[in-house]
PDB file of N, CA and C in Angstrom:
ATOM      1  N   MET A   1      28.033  34.442 163.327  1.00  0.00           N
ATOM      2  CA  MET A   1      28.426  33.470 164.179  1.00  0.00           C
ATOM      3  C   MET A   1      29.163  32.561 163.461  1.00  0.00           C
ATOM      4  N   LYS A   2      30.230  32.757 162.415  1.00  0.00           N
ATOM      5  CA  LYS A   2      31.717  31.874 162.046  1.00  0.00           C
ATOM      6  C   LYS A   2      31.883  32.634 162.350  1.00  0.00           C
ATOM      7  N   LYS A   3      32.181  33.989 162.927  1.00  0.00           N
ATOM      8  CA  LYS A   3      33.479  35.158 162.317  1.00  0.00           C
ATOM      9  C   LYS A   3      33.378  34.659 164.150  1.00  0.00           C
ATOM     10  N   HIS A   4      33.107  35.107 164.983  1.00  0.00           N
ATOM     11  CA  HIS A   4      32.851  34.427 166.793  1.00  0.00           C
ATOM     12  C   HIS A   4      33.532  32.982 166.725  1.00  0.00           C
ATOM     13  N   LEU A   5      33.318  31.851 166.121  1.00  0.00           N
ATOM     14  CA  LEU A   5      34.084  30.916 165.924  1.00  0.00           C
ATOM     15  C   LEU A   5      35.618  30.919 165.861  1.00  0.00           C
ATOM     16  N   LEU A   6      35.585  31.447 164.469  1.00  0.00           N
ATOM     17  CA  LEU A   6      36.645  31.572 164.260  1.00  0.00           C
ATOM     18  C   LEU A   6      37.892  32.729 165.128  1.00  0.00           C
ATOM     19  N   LEU A   7      37.072  33.546 166.114  1.00  0.00           N
ATOM     20  CA  LEU A   7      37.863  34.647 166.479  1.00  0.00           C
ATOM     21  C   LEU A   7      38.233  33.877 168.089  1.00  0.00           C
ATOM     22  N   LEU A   8      37.548  33.144 168.066  1.00  0.00           N
ATOM     23  CA  LEU A   8      37.380  31.696 169.536  1.00  0.00           C
ATOM     24  C   LEU A   8      38.184  31.623 168.698  1.00  0.00           C
ATOM     25  N   THR A   9      39.294  30.384 168.131  1.00  0.00           N
ATOM     26  CA  THR A   9      39.621  29.507 167.874  1.00  0.00           C
ATOM     27  C   THR A   9      41.046  30.577 167.708  1.00  0.00           C
ATOM     28  N   THR A  10      41.326  31.122 167.374  1.00  0.00           N
ATOM     29  CA  THR A  10      42.493  32.212 167.196  1.00  0.00           C
ATOM     30  C   THR A  10      42.750  32.564 168.709  1.00  0.00           C
ATOM     31  N   LEU A  11      41.999  32.521 169.309  1.00  0.00           N
ATOM     32  CA  LEU A  11      42.565  33.233 170.446  1.00  0.00           C
ATOM     33  C   LEU A  11      43.117  32.456 171.853  1.00  0.00           C
ATOM     34  N   ILE A  12      42.427  31.027 171.634  1.00  0.00           N
ATOM     35  CA  ILE A  12      42.937  29.865 171.996  1.00  0.00           C
ATOM     36  C   ILE A  12      44.032  29.211 171.597  1.00  0.00           C
ATOM     37  N   VAL A  13      44.300  29.024 170.217  1.00  0.00           N
ATOM     38  CA  VAL A  13      45.330  28.634 170.027  1.00  0.00           C
ATOM     39  C   VAL A  13      47.208  29.770 169.824  1.00  0.00           C
ATOM     40  N   VAL A  14      46.803  31.023 170.135  1.00  0.00           N
ATOM     41  CA  VAL A  14      47.815  32.341 170.294  1.00  0.00           C
ATOM     42  C   VAL A  14      47.732  31.708 172.206  1.00  0.00           C
ATOM     43  N   SER A  15      46.999  31.723 173.098  1.00  0.00           N
ATOM     44  CA  SER A  15      47.097  31.445 174.305  1.00  0.00           C
ATOM     45  C   SER A  15      47.874  30.504 174.474  1.00  0.00           C
ATOM     46  N   PHE A  16      47.781  29.120 173.837  1.00  0.00           N
ATOM     47  CA  PHE A  16      48.320  28.270 173.984  1.00  0.00           C
ATOM     48  C   PHE A  16      49.603  28.274 173.695  1.00  0.00           C
ATOM     49  N   PHE A  17      49.955  28.796 172.487  1.00  0.00           N
ATOM     50  CA  PHE A  17      51.538  29.062 172.229  1.00  0.00           C
ATOM     51  C   PHE A  17      52.331  30.387 173.410  1.00  0.00           C
ATOM     52  N   THR A  18      51.597  31.573 173.963  1.00  0.00           N
ATOM     53  CA  THR A  18      52.015  32.053 174.583  1.00  0.00           C
ATOM     54  C   THR A  18      52.683  31.879 175.780  1.00  0.00           C
ATOM     55  N   SER A  19      51.491  30.250 176.610  1.00  0.00           N
ATOM     56  CA  SER A  19      52.235  29.655 177.466  1.00  0.00           C
ATOM     57  C   SER A  19      53.311  29.018 177.621  1.00  0.00           C
ATOM     58  N   CYS A  20      53.717  28.718 176.743  1.00  0.00           N
ATOM     59  CA  CYS A  20      54.670  27.619 176.244  1.00  0.00           C
ATOM     60  C   CYS A  20      56.117  28.672 177.141  1.00  0.00           C
ATOM     61  N   THR A  21      55.702  29.838 175.922  1.00  0.00           N
ATOM     62  CA  THR A  21      57.136  30.546 176.018  1.00  0.00           C
ATOM     63  C   THR A  21      56.966  31.007 177.778  1.00  0.00           C
ATOM     64  N   THR A  22      56.261  31.467 178.525  1.00  0.00           N
ATOM     65  CA  THR A  22      56.064  32.594 179.634  1.00  0.00           C
ATOM     66  C   THR A  22      57.289  30.901 180.612  1.00  0.00           C
ATOM     67  N   GLU A  23      56.546  29.747 179.951  1.00  0.00           N
ATOM     68  CA  GLU A  23      57.002  28.405 180.834  1.00  0.00           C
ATOM     69  C   GLU A  23      58.692  28.536 181.069  1.00  0.00           C
ATOM     70  N   GLU A  24      58.777  28.686 179.804  1.00  0.00           N
ATOM     71  CA  GLU A  24      60.504  28.072 179.772  1.00  0.00           C
ATOM     72  C   GLU A  24      60.972  29.440 180.273  1.00  0.00           C
ATOM     73  N   ILE A  25      60.502  30.744 179.856  1.00  0.00           N
ATOM     74  CA  ILE A  25      61.068  31.402 180.954  1.00  0.00           C
ATOM     75  C   ILE A  25      61.171  31.627 182.235  1.00  0.00           C
ATOM     76  N   ASN A  26      60.009  31.642 183.151  1.00  0.00           N
ATOM     77  CA  ASN A  26      60.044  31.094 184.870  1.00  0.00           C
ATOM     78  C   ASN A  26      60.710  30.711 184.538  1.00  0.00           C
ATOM     79  N   GLN A  27      61.369  29.454 183.834  1.00  0.00           N
ATOM     80  CA  GLN A  27      62.097  28.061 184.218  1.00  0.00           C
ATOM     81  C   GLN A  27      63.630  28.574 184.497  1.00  0.00           C
ATOM     82  N   ASP A  28      63.978  29.765 183.669  1.00  0.00           N
ATOM     83  CA  ASP A  28      65.584  30.203 183.962  1.00  0.00           C
ATOM     84  C   ASP A  28      65.391  31.221 184.691  1.00  0.00           C
ATOM     85  N   THR A  29      64.284  32.235 185.197  1.00  0.00           N
ATOM     86  CA  THR A  29      64.599  33.134 185.982  1.00  0.00           C
ATOM     87  C   THR A  29      64.412  32.062 187.836  1.00  0.00           C
ATOM     88  N   ASN A  30      63.629  31.060 188.110  1.00  0.00           N
ATOM     89  CA  ASN A  30      64.441  30.204 189.270  1.00  0.00           C
ATOM     90  C   ASN A  30      65.451  29.897 189.082  1.00  0.00           C
ATOM     91  N   LEU A  31      66.092  29.191 188.132  1.00  0.00           N
ATOM     92  CA  LEU A  31      67.254  29.163 188.443  1.00  0.00           C
ATOM     93  C   LEU A  31      68.020  30.026 188.212  1.00  0.00           C
ATOM     94  N   LEU A  32      67.903  31.590 188.078  1.00  0.00           N
ATOM     95  CA  LEU A  32      68.621  32.219 188.396  1.00  0.00           C
ATOM     96  C   LEU A  32      69.152  32.919 190.236  1.00  0.00           C
ATOM     97  N   GLY A  33      70.343  33.453 190.310  1.00  0.00           N
ATOM     98  CA  GLY A  33      70.804  33.434 191.820  1.00  0.00           C
ATOM     99  C   GLY A  33      71.600  32.410 192.231  1.00  0.00           C
ATOM    100  N   VAL A  34      71.738  32.471 193.710  1.00  0.00           N
ATOM    101  CA  VAL A  34      73.437  32.112 194.129  1.00  0.00           C
ATOM    102  C   VAL A  34      73.061  30.444 194.913  1.00  0.00           C
ATOM    103  N   TRP A  35      73.030  29.458 194.110  1.00  0.00           N
ATOM    104  CA  TRP A  35      73.207  28.211 194.979  1.00  0.00           C
ATOM    105  C   TRP A  35      74.591  27.862 196.234  1.00  0.00           C
ATOM    106  N   GLU A  36      74.299  27.085 196.870  1.00  0.00           N
ATOM    107  CA  GLU A  36      75.440  26.943 197.904  1.00  0.00           C
ATOM    108  C   GLU A  36      75.352  25.415 198.402  1.00  0.00           C
ATOM    109  N   SER A  37      76.402  25.114 198.701  1.00  0.00           N
ATOM    110  CA  SER A  37      76.725  23.633 199.382  1.00  0.00           C
ATOM    111  C   SER A  37      77.946  24.059 200.479  1.00  0.00           C
ATOM    112  N   THR A  38      77.586  23.059 201.636  1.00  0.00           N
ATOM    113  CA  THR A  38      78.814  23.672 202.611  1.00  0.00           C
ATOM    114  C   THR A  38      79.029  22.302 203.062  1.00  0.00           C
ATOM    115  N   SER A  39      80.325  21.675 203.718  1.00  0.00           N
ATOM    116  CA  SER A  39      80.244  19.910 204.261  1.00  0.00           C
ATOM    117  C   SER A  39      81.575  20.433 205.046  1.00  0.00           C
ATOM    118  N   LEU A  40      81.436  20.370 206.625  1.00  0.00           N
ATOM    119  CA  LEU A  40      82.222  20.022 207.504  1.00  0.00           C
ATOM    120  C   LEU A  40      82.894  18.994 207.502  1.00  0.00           C
ATOM    121  N   ASN A  41      84.578  19.122 207.425  1.00  0.00           N
ATOM    122  CA  ASN A  41      85.229  17.854 207.381  1.00  0.00           C
ATOM    123  C   ASN A  41      85.806  18.134 208.479  1.00  0.00           C
ATOM    124  N   VAL A  42      86.664  16.927 209.557  1.00  0.00           N
ATOM    125  CA  VAL A  42      87.523  16.874 210.571  1.00  0.00           C
ATOM    126  C   VAL A  42      88.470  17.998 210.287  1.00  0.00           C
ATOM    127  N   ASN A  43      89.126  18.460 209.288  1.00  0.00           N
ATOM    128  CA  ASN A  43      90.608  19.601 209.356  1.00  0.00           C
ATOM    129  C   ASN A  43      89.874  20.839 208.415  1.00  0.00           C
ATOM    130  N   SER A  44      88.455  20.596 208.066  1.00  0.00           N
ATOM    131  CA  SER A  44      88.598  22.384 207.376  1.00  0.00           C
ATOM    132  C   SER A  44      86.958  22.243 206.516  1.00  0.00           C
ATOM    133  N   THR A  45      86.475  23.462 206.469  1.00  0.00           N
ATOM    134  CA  THR A  45      85.354  23.362 205.873  1.00  0.00           C
ATOM    135  C   THR A  45      84.852  23.831 204.154  1.00  0.00           C
ATOM    136  N   GLU A  46      84.329  22.850 203.628  1.00  0.00           N
ATOM    137  CA  GLU A  46      84.631  23.224 201.938  1.00  0.00           C
ATOM    138  C   GLU A  46      82.673  23.685 201.797  1.00  0.00           C
ATOM    139  N   THR A  47      83.306  25.111 201.475  1.00  0.00           N
ATOM    140  CA  THR A  47      81.685  25.579 200.272  1.00  0.00           C
ATOM    141  C   THR A  47      81.887  25.445 198.567  1.00  0.00           C
ATOM    142  N   HIS A  48      80.700  24.982 197.995  1.00  0.00           N
ATOM    143  CA  HIS A  48      80.658  25.238 196.500  1.00  0.00           C
ATOM    144  C   HIS A  48      79.239  26.086 196.466  1.00  0.00           C
ATOM    145  N   LYS A  49      79.987  26.786 195.543  1.00  0.00           N
ATOM    146  CA  LYS A  49      78.349  27.783 194.844  1.00  0.00           C
ATOM    147  C   LYS A  49      78.672  28.267 193.725  1.00  0.00           C
ATOM    148  N   LEU A  50      77.364  27.871 193.038  1.00  0.00           N
ATOM    149  CA  LEU A  50      77.270  28.008 191.804  1.00  0.00           C
ATOM    150  C   LEU A  50      76.320  29.282 191.692  1.00  0.00           C
ATOM    151  N   ILE A  51      76.718  30.245 190.401  1.00  0.00           N
ATOM    152  CA  ILE A  51      76.109  31.514 190.450  1.00  0.00           C
ATOM    153  C   ILE A  51      75.522  31.497 189.215  1.00  0.00           C
ATOM    154  N   PHE A  52      74.002  31.141 188.864  1.00  0.00           N
ATOM    155  CA  PHE A  52      73.573  31.616 187.582  1.00  0.00           C
ATOM    156  C   PHE A  52      72.942  33.030 187.216  1.00  0.00           C
ATOM    157  N   GLY A  53      73.429  33.571 186.356  1.00  0.00           N
ATOM    158  CA  GLY A  53      73.297  34.291 185.617  1.00  0.00           C
ATOM    159  C   GLY A  53      72.710  35.070 184.597  1.00  0.00           C
ATOM    160  N   ASP A  54      72.386  36.295 184.412  1.00  0.00           N
ATOM    161  CA  ASP A  54      71.888  36.378 182.749  1.00  0.00           C
ATOM    162  C   ASP A  54      72.932  36.381 181.840  1.00  0.00           C
ATOM    163  N   LYS A  55      71.866  35.298 180.592  1.00  0.00           N
ATOM    164  CA  LYS A  55      72.396  35.210 179.102  1.00  0.00           C
ATOM    165  C   LYS A  55      73.248  33.567 179.954  1.00  0.00           C
ATOM    166  N   ASN A  56      72.652  32.699 180.236  1.00  0.00           N
ATOM    167  CA  ASN A  56      73.482  31.486 180.258  1.00  0.00           C
ATOM    168  C   ASN A  56      74.556  31.461 180.462  1.00  0.00           C
ATOM    169  N   THR A  57      75.502  31.884 181.504  1.00  0.00           N
ATOM    170  CA  THR A  57      76.595  32.622 182.124  1.00  0.00           C
ATOM    171  C   THR A  57      76.395  32.322 183.643  1.00  0.00           C
ATOM    172  N   GLY A  58      77.862  31.704 184.254  1.00  0.00           N
ATOM    173  CA  GLY A  58      77.499  31.319 185.603  1.00  0.00           C
ATOM    174  C   GLY A  58      79.189  31.694 185.688  1.00  0.00           C
ATOM    175  N   LEU A  59      79.465  31.226 187.541  1.00  0.00           N
ATOM    176  CA  LEU A  59      80.446  31.041 187.806  1.00  0.00           C
ATOM    177  C   LEU A  59      80.354  30.316 188.971  1.00  0.00           C
ATOM    178  N   SER A  60      81.516  29.178 189.336  1.00  0.00           N
ATOM    179  CA  SER A  60      81.252  27.873 190.086  1.00  0.00           C
ATOM    180  C   SER A  60      82.690  28.449 191.049  1.00  0.00           C
ATOM    181  N   ILE A  61      82.668  28.826 192.112  1.00  0.00           N
ATOM    182  CA  ILE A  61      83.106  28.540 193.592  1.00  0.00           C
ATOM    183  C   ILE A  61      82.978  27.946 194.109  1.00  0.00           C
ATOM    184  N   GLN A  62      84.985  27.475 194.756  1.00  0.00           N
ATOM    185  CA  GLN A  62      84.878  26.355 195.502  1.00  0.00           C
ATOM    186  C   GLN A  62      85.955  27.033 196.574  1.00  0.00           C
ATOM    187  N   GLU A  63      85.610  26.708 197.860  1.00  0.00           N
ATOM    188  CA  GLU A  63      86.257  27.352 198.436  1.00  0.00           C
ATOM    189  C   GLU A  63      86.473  26.359 200.100  1.00  0.00           C
ATOM    190  N   THR A  64      87.663  26.375 200.618  1.00  0.00           N
ATOM    191  CA  THR A  64      87.750  25.992 201.478  1.00  0.00           C
ATOM    192  C   THR A  64      88.626  26.547 202.977  1.00  0.00           C
ATOM    193  N   ILE A  65      88.504  25.949 204.343  1.00  0.00           N
ATOM    194  CA  ILE A  65      89.092  26.499 205.204  1.00  0.00           C
ATOM    195  C   ILE A  65      89.464  25.622 206.112  1.00  0.00           C
ATOM    196  N   SER A  66      90.458  25.834 206.192  1.00  0.00           N
ATOM    197  CA  SER A  66      91.397  24.824 206.943  1.00  0.00           C
ATOM    198  C   SER A  66      91.498  25.293 208.799  1.00  0.00           C
ATOM    199  N   ILE A  67      91.197  24.332 209.544  1.00  0.00           N
ATOM    200  CA  ILE A  67      91.168  24.638 211.316  1.00  0.00           C
ATOM    201  C   ILE A  67      92.276  25.628 211.528  1.00  0.00           C
ATOM    202  N   SER A  68      93.768  25.957 210.723  1.00  0.00           N
ATOM    203  CA  SER A  68      94.493  26.689 210.762  1.00  0.00           C
ATOM    204  C   SER A  68      93.982  28.080 209.897  1.00  0.00           C
ATOM    205  N   SER A  69      92.944  28.290 209.444  1.00  0.00           N
ATOM    206  CA  SER A  69      92.372  29.567 208.995  1.00  0.00           C
ATOM    207  C   SER A  69      92.633  29.880 207.604  1.00  0.00           C
ATOM    208  N   GLU A  70      93.146  28.603 207.159  1.00  0.00           N
ATOM    209  CA  GLU A  70      93.873  29.165 206.024  1.00  0.00           C
ATOM    210  C   GLU A  70      92.797  28.843 205.163  1.00  0.00           C
ATOM    211  N   ILE A  71      92.909  29.222 204.056  1.00  0.00           N
ATOM    212  CA  ILE A  71      91.762  29.852 202.845  1.00  0.00           C
ATOM    213  C   ILE A  71      92.390  29.529 201.648  1.00  0.00           C
ATOM    214  N   ILE A  72      91.281  28.382 200.772  1.00  0.00           N
ATOM    215  CA  ILE A  72      91.924  28.366 199.687  1.00  0.00           C
ATOM    216  C   ILE A  72      90.709  28.206 198.735  1.00  0.00           C
ATOM    217  N   SER A  73      90.674  29.074 197.190  1.00  0.00           N
ATOM    218  CA  SER A  73      89.891  29.036 196.431  1.00  0.00           C
ATOM    219  C   SER A  73      90.124  28.856 195.398  1.00  0.00           C
ATOM    220  N   SER A  74      88.837  28.351 194.130  1.00  0.00           N
ATOM    221  CA  SER A  74      89.079  28.955 193.183  1.00  0.00           C
ATOM    222  C   SER A  74      88.031  29.821 192.716  1.00  0.00           C
ATOM    223  N   ALA A  75      87.949  29.926 191.266  1.00  0.00           N
ATOM    224  CA  ALA A  75      86.200  30.393 190.544  1.00  0.00           C
ATOM    225  C   ALA A  75      86.674  30.391 188.836  1.00  0.00           C
ATOM    226  N   THR A  76      85.736  29.261 188.680  1.00  0.00           N
ATOM    227  CA  THR A  76      85.740  29.099 186.943  1.00  0.00           C
ATOM    228  C   THR A  76      84.460  29.154 186.966  1.00  0.00           C
ATOM    229  N   SER A  77      84.205  30.105 185.406  1.00  0.00           N
ATOM    230  CA  SER A  77      83.090  30.562 184.431  1.00  0.00           C
ATOM    231  C   SER A  77      82.624  29.636 183.617  1.00  0.00           C
ATOM    232  N   PHE A  78      81.510  29.878 183.600  1.00  0.00           N
ATOM    233  CA  PHE A  78      80.471  28.494 182.998  1.00  0.00           C
ATOM    234  C   PHE A  78      79.615  28.928 181.819  1.00  0.00           C
ATOM    235  N   ASN A  79      79.074  28.330 181.548  1.00  0.00           N
ATOM    236  CA  ASN A  79      77.417  28.882 180.722  1.00  0.00           C
ATOM    237  C   ASN A  79      76.622  27.300 180.612  1.00  0.00           C
ATOM    238  N   TRP A  80      75.294  27.387 181.077  1.00  0.00           N
ATOM    239  CA  TRP A  80      74.202  26.786 181.016  1.00  0.00           C
ATOM    240  C   TRP A  80      73.269  27.265 180.264  1.00  0.00           C
ATOM    241  N   ASN A  81      72.245  25.225 180.576  1.00  0.00           N
ATOM    242  CA  ASN A  81      71.177  25.525 180.062  1.00  0.00           C
ATOM    243  C   ASN A  81      70.305  24.635 180.762  1.00  0.00           C
ATOM    244  N   VAL A  82      69.204  25.210 180.820  1.00  0.00           N
ATOM    245  CA  VAL A  82      68.485  23.912 181.578  1.00  0.00           C
ATOM    246  C   VAL A  82      67.006  23.893 180.618  1.00  0.00           C
ATOM    247  N   ASN A  83      66.606  22.669 181.085  1.00  0.00           N
ATOM    248  CA  ASN A  83      65.368  21.841 179.918  1.00  0.00           C
ATOM    249  C   ASN A  83      64.322  21.082 180.488  1.00  0.00           C
ATOM    250  N   ASP A  84      63.348  21.147 181.280  1.00  0.00           N
ATOM    251  CA  ASP A  84      62.720  20.752 182.395  1.00  0.00           C
ATOM    252  C   ASP A  84      63.079  20.974 183.548  1.00  0.00           C
ATOM    253  N   ASP A  85      63.397  19.804 184.251  1.00  0.00           N
ATOM    254  CA  ASP A  85      64.307  19.596 185.873  1.00  0.00           C
ATOM    255  C   ASP A  85      65.387  19.192 185.874  1.00  0.00           C
ATOM    256  N   VAL A  86      66.529  19.705 183.937  1.00  0.00           N
ATOM    257  CA  VAL A  86      67.868  19.248 183.902  1.00  0.00           C
ATOM    258  C   VAL A  86      68.394  20.446 183.828  1.00  0.00           C
ATOM    259  N   VAL A  87      69.965  20.390 184.347  1.00  0.00           N
ATOM    260  CA  VAL A  87      70.982  22.123 184.285  1.00  0.00           C
ATOM    261  C   VAL A  87      71.366  21.376 183.247  1.00  0.00           C
ATOM    262  N   THR A  88      72.501  22.054 182.559  1.00  0.00           N
ATOM    263  CA  THR A  88      73.725  21.552 182.066  1.00  0.00           C
ATOM    264  C   THR A  88      74.606  22.482 182.090  1.00  0.00           C
ATOM    265  N   ILE A  89      75.380  22.271 183.114  1.00  0.00           N
ATOM    266  CA  ILE A  89      77.050  23.472 182.990  1.00  0.00           C
ATOM    267  C   ILE A  89      77.863  23.055 181.899  1.00  0.00           C
ATOM    268  N   VAL A  90      78.113  23.891 181.257  1.00  0.00           N
ATOM    269  CA  VAL A  90      79.173  23.674 179.952  1.00  0.00           C
ATOM    270  C   VAL A  90      80.341  24.764 180.489  1.00  0.00           C
ATOM    271  N   GLU A  91      81.436  24.297 180.371  1.00  0.00           N
ATOM    272  CA  GLU A  91      83.095  24.735 180.327  1.00  0.00           C
ATOM    273  C   GLU A  91      83.984  24.222 178.978  1.00  0.00           C
ATOM    274  N   ASP A  92      84.100  25.620 178.324  1.00  0.00           N
ATOM    275  CA  ASP A  92      84.842  25.299 177.189  1.00  0.00           C
ATOM    276  C   ASP A  92      84.483  23.927 175.832  1.00  0.00           C
ATOM    277  N   ASN A  93      83.031  24.683 175.924  1.00  0.00           N
ATOM    278  CA  ASN A  93      82.151  23.915 175.033  1.00  0.00           C
ATOM    279  C   ASN A  93      81.694  22.652 175.273  1.00  0.00           C
ATOM    280  N   ILE A  94      82.654  22.286 175.992  1.00  0.00           N
ATOM    281  CA  ILE A  94      82.455  20.330 176.803  1.00  0.00           C
ATOM    282  C   ILE A  94      81.742  20.974 178.470  1.00  0.00           C
ATOM    283  N   THR A  95      80.355  19.851 178.374  1.00  0.00           N
ATOM    284  CA  THR A  95      79.889  19.420 179.015  1.00  0.00           C
ATOM    285  C   THR A  95      80.435  18.685 180.193  1.00  0.00           C
ATOM    286  N   GLN A  96      80.338  19.983 181.074  1.00  0.00           N
ATOM    287  CA  GLN A  96      81.698  19.103 182.690  1.00  0.00           C
ATOM    288  C   GLN A  96      80.364  18.511 183.746  1.00  0.00           C
ATOM    289  N   LYS A  97      79.534  19.482 184.316  1.00  0.00           N
ATOM    290  CA  LYS A  97      78.375  18.173 185.136  1.00  0.00           C
ATOM    291  C   LYS A  97      76.422  18.583 184.390  1.00  0.00           C
ATOM    292  N   THR A  98      76.086  17.464 185.401  1.00  0.00           N
ATOM    293  CA  THR A  98      74.937  17.638 184.924  1.00  0.00           C
ATOM    294  C   THR A  98      74.174  17.808 186.537  1.00  0.00           C
ATOM    295  N   PHE A  99      72.796  18.894 186.531  1.00  0.00           N
ATOM    296  CA  PHE A  99      72.169  18.253 187.768  1.00  0.00           C
ATOM    297  C   PHE A  99      70.684  18.274 187.300  1.00  0.00           C
ATOM    298  N   ILE A 100      69.750  17.577 188.403  1.00  0.00           N
ATOM    299  CA  ILE A 100      68.717  17.947 188.180  1.00  0.00           C
ATOM    300  C   ILE A 100      68.149  18.623 189.644  1.00  0.00           C
ATOM    301  N   ILE A 101      67.095  19.395 188.895  1.00  0.00           N
ATOM    302  CA  ILE A 101      66.165  20.057 189.956  1.00  0.00           C
ATOM    303  C   ILE A 101      65.356  18.810 191.311  1.00  0.00           C
ATOM    304  N   ASN A 102      65.399  18.635 192.058  1.00  0.00           N
ATOM    305  CA  ASN A 102      64.641  17.700 193.141  1.00  0.00           C
ATOM    306  C   ASN A 102      63.802  18.362 193.171  1.00  0.00           C
ATOM    307  N   SER A 103      62.447  17.785 194.000  1.00  0.00           N
ATOM    308  CA  SER A 103      61.152  17.754 194.583  1.00  0.00           C
ATOM    309  C   SER A 103      61.328  19.215 195.415  1.00  0.00           C
ATOM    310  N   GLU A 104      62.353  18.948 196.455  1.00  0.00           N
ATOM    311  CA  GLU A 104      62.491  19.744 197.283  1.00  0.00           C
ATOM    312  C   GLU A 104      63.611  21.264 196.676  1.00  0.00           C
ATOM    313  N   GLY A 105      63.751  21.693 195.451  1.00  0.00           N
ATOM    314  CA  GLY A 105      64.096  22.203 194.814  1.00  0.00           C
ATOM    315  C   GLY A 105      65.582  22.637 195.257  1.00  0.00           C
ATOM    316  N   GLN A 106      66.234  21.583 195.357  1.00  0.00           N
ATOM    317  CA  GLN A 106      67.702  20.988 194.949  1.00  0.00           C
ATOM    318  C   GLN A 106      68.002  21.446 194.201  1.00  0.00           C
ATOM    319  N   LEU A 107      69.524  21.697 193.971  1.00  0.00           N
ATOM    320  CA  LEU A 107      70.377  21.417 192.823  1.00  0.00           C
ATOM    321  C   LEU A 107      70.796  20.075 192.775  1.00  0.00           C
ATOM    322  N   VAL A 108      70.761  19.166 192.741  1.00  0.00           N
ATOM    323  CA  VAL A 108      71.548  17.588 192.949  1.00  0.00           C
ATOM    324  C   VAL A 108      72.268  16.675 191.392  1.00  0.00           C
ATOM    325  N   LEU A 109      73.622  16.895 192.122  1.00  0.00           N
ATOM    326  CA  LEU A 109      74.973  16.563 191.049  1.00  0.00           C
ATOM    327  C   LEU A 109      73.814  15.457 190.665  1.00  0.00           C
ATOM    328  N   SER A 110      73.874  14.795 189.612  1.00  0.00           N
ATOM    329  CA  SER A 110      73.250  13.649 188.780  1.00  0.00           C
ATOM    330  C   SER A 110      74.173  12.998 188.545  1.00  0.00           C
ATOM    331  N   SER A 111      75.651  12.439 188.870  1.00  0.00           N
ATOM    332  CA  SER A 111      76.370  11.171 188.760  1.00  0.00           C
ATOM    333  C   SER A 111      76.784  11.065 190.211  1.00  0.00           C
ATOM    334  N   SER A 112      76.400  12.063 191.432  1.00  0.00           N
ATOM    335  CA  SER A 112      76.455  11.817 192.373  1.00  0.00           C
ATOM    336  C   SER A 112      75.805  12.646 193.843  1.00  0.00           C
ATOM    337  N   GLN A 113      74.411  11.930 194.337  1.00  0.00           N
ATOM    338  CA  GLN A 113      73.667  12.417 195.068  1.00  0.00           C
ATOM    339  C   GLN A 113      74.280  13.137 196.398  1.00  0.00           C
ATOM    340  N   ASP A 114      75.315  12.677 196.414  1.00  0.00           N
ATOM    341  CA  ASP A 114      76.164  13.700 198.101  1.00  0.00           C
ATOM    342  C   ASP A 114      76.338  15.224 197.905  1.00  0.00           C
ATOM    343  N   LEU A 115      76.387  15.600 196.324  1.00  0.00           N
ATOM    344  CA  LEU A 115      76.550  17.260 196.279  1.00  0.00           C
ATOM    345  C   LEU A 115      74.910  17.785 195.878  1.00  0.00           C
ATOM    346  N   ARG A 116      74.379  18.231 196.724  1.00  0.00           N
ATOM    347  CA  ARG A 116      73.193  18.825 196.591  1.00  0.00           C
ATOM    348  C   ARG A 116      73.286  20.494 197.626  1.00  0.00           C
ATOM    349  N   LEU A 117      72.576  21.377 196.126  1.00  0.00           N
ATOM    350  CA  LEU A 117      73.095  22.309 196.784  1.00  0.00           C
ATOM    351  C   LEU A 117      71.459  23.493 196.529  1.00  0.00           C
ATOM    352  N   ASN A 118      71.597  24.222 197.898  1.00  0.00           N
ATOM    353  CA  ASN A 118      70.270  24.817 198.105  1.00  0.00           C
ATOM    354  C   ASN A 118      70.074  26.114 197.244  1.00  0.00           C
ATOM    355  N   LYS A 119      68.780  27.067 196.974  1.00  0.00           N
ATOM    356  CA  LYS A 119      69.030  28.559 196.392  1.00  0.00           C
ATOM    357  C   LYS A 119      69.264  29.465 197.491  1.00  0.00           C
ATOM    358  N   VAL A 120      70.270  30.259 198.106  1.00  0.00           N
ATOM    359  CA  VAL A 120      70.441  31.016 198.943  1.00  0.00           C
ATOM    360  C   VAL A 120      70.282  32.428 198.460  1.00  0.00           C
ATOM    361  N   SER A 121      70.317  32.529 197.668  1.00  0.00           N
ATOM    362  CA  SER A 121      70.064  33.642 197.486  1.00  0.00           C
ATOM    363  C   SER A 121      69.676  34.539 195.403  1.00  0.00           C
ATOM    364  N   ASP A 122      68.731  35.085 195.106  1.00  0.00           N
ATOM    365  CA  ASP A 122      68.207  35.427 194.071  1.00  0.00           C
ATOM    366  C   ASP A 122      68.907  36.786 193.879  1.00  0.00           C
ATOM    367  N   ASP A 123      69.723  37.165 194.034  1.00  0.00           N
ATOM    368  CA  ASP A 123      70.541  38.850 193.668  1.00  0.00           C
ATOM    369  C   ASP A 123      72.451  37.660 193.677  1.00  0.00           C
ATOM    370  N   TYR A 124      72.379  37.662 192.400  1.00  0.00           N
ATOM    371  CA  TYR A 124      73.578  37.518 191.666  1.00  0.00           C
ATOM    372  C   TYR A 124      75.210  38.693 191.364  1.00  0.00           C
ATOM    373  N   SER A 125      74.303  39.686 191.507  1.00  0.00           N
ATOM    374  CA  SER A 125      74.690  41.367 190.894  1.00  0.00           C
ATOM    375  C   SER A 125      76.314  41.869 191.609  1.00  0.00           C
ATOM    376  N   LYS A 126      76.504  40.851 192.911  1.00  0.00           N
ATOM    377  CA  LYS A 126      77.689  41.076 193.357  1.00  0.00           C
ATOM    378  C   LYS A 126      78.836  40.324 192.922  1.00  0.00           C
ATOM    379  N   TYR A 127      78.125  39.494 192.125  1.00  0.00           N
ATOM    380  CA  TYR A 127      79.356  38.333 191.528  1.00  0.00           C
ATOM    381  C   TYR A 127      79.707  38.695 189.950  1.00  0.00           C
ATOM    382  N   TYR A 128      78.822  39.565 189.494  1.00  0.00           N
ATOM    383  CA  TYR A 128      79.313  39.731 188.425  1.00  0.00           C
ATOM    384  C   TYR A 128      79.036  41.495 187.854  1.00  0.00           C
TER     385      TYR A 128
END
């Protein structure tokens, strides 16, 4: 009987630690992909994309298309970390931006509620 109780206790402890690891993996997996925000202005359309890839690497792409069809774009690489619902983007070992994942599943810039990004794709392979 003691042997069965010890085995049961061991299984409970092992499953507890295993579930914590799976939660962290799922959190990163849900973030991986392409996130986008588009704003329409009088003279232009601005698109901001964040691409979260493997090994905590990413790409930030900003694109502005003017009424005259002139396109201005920039791309910057970054590293990212996620802790609970807080995503931190790091460029050159300096924290650049912090986002919160809200209840609607959007990434919201913590310093400004105006920038909200929606996940548009799980496929980030064309950016790497």
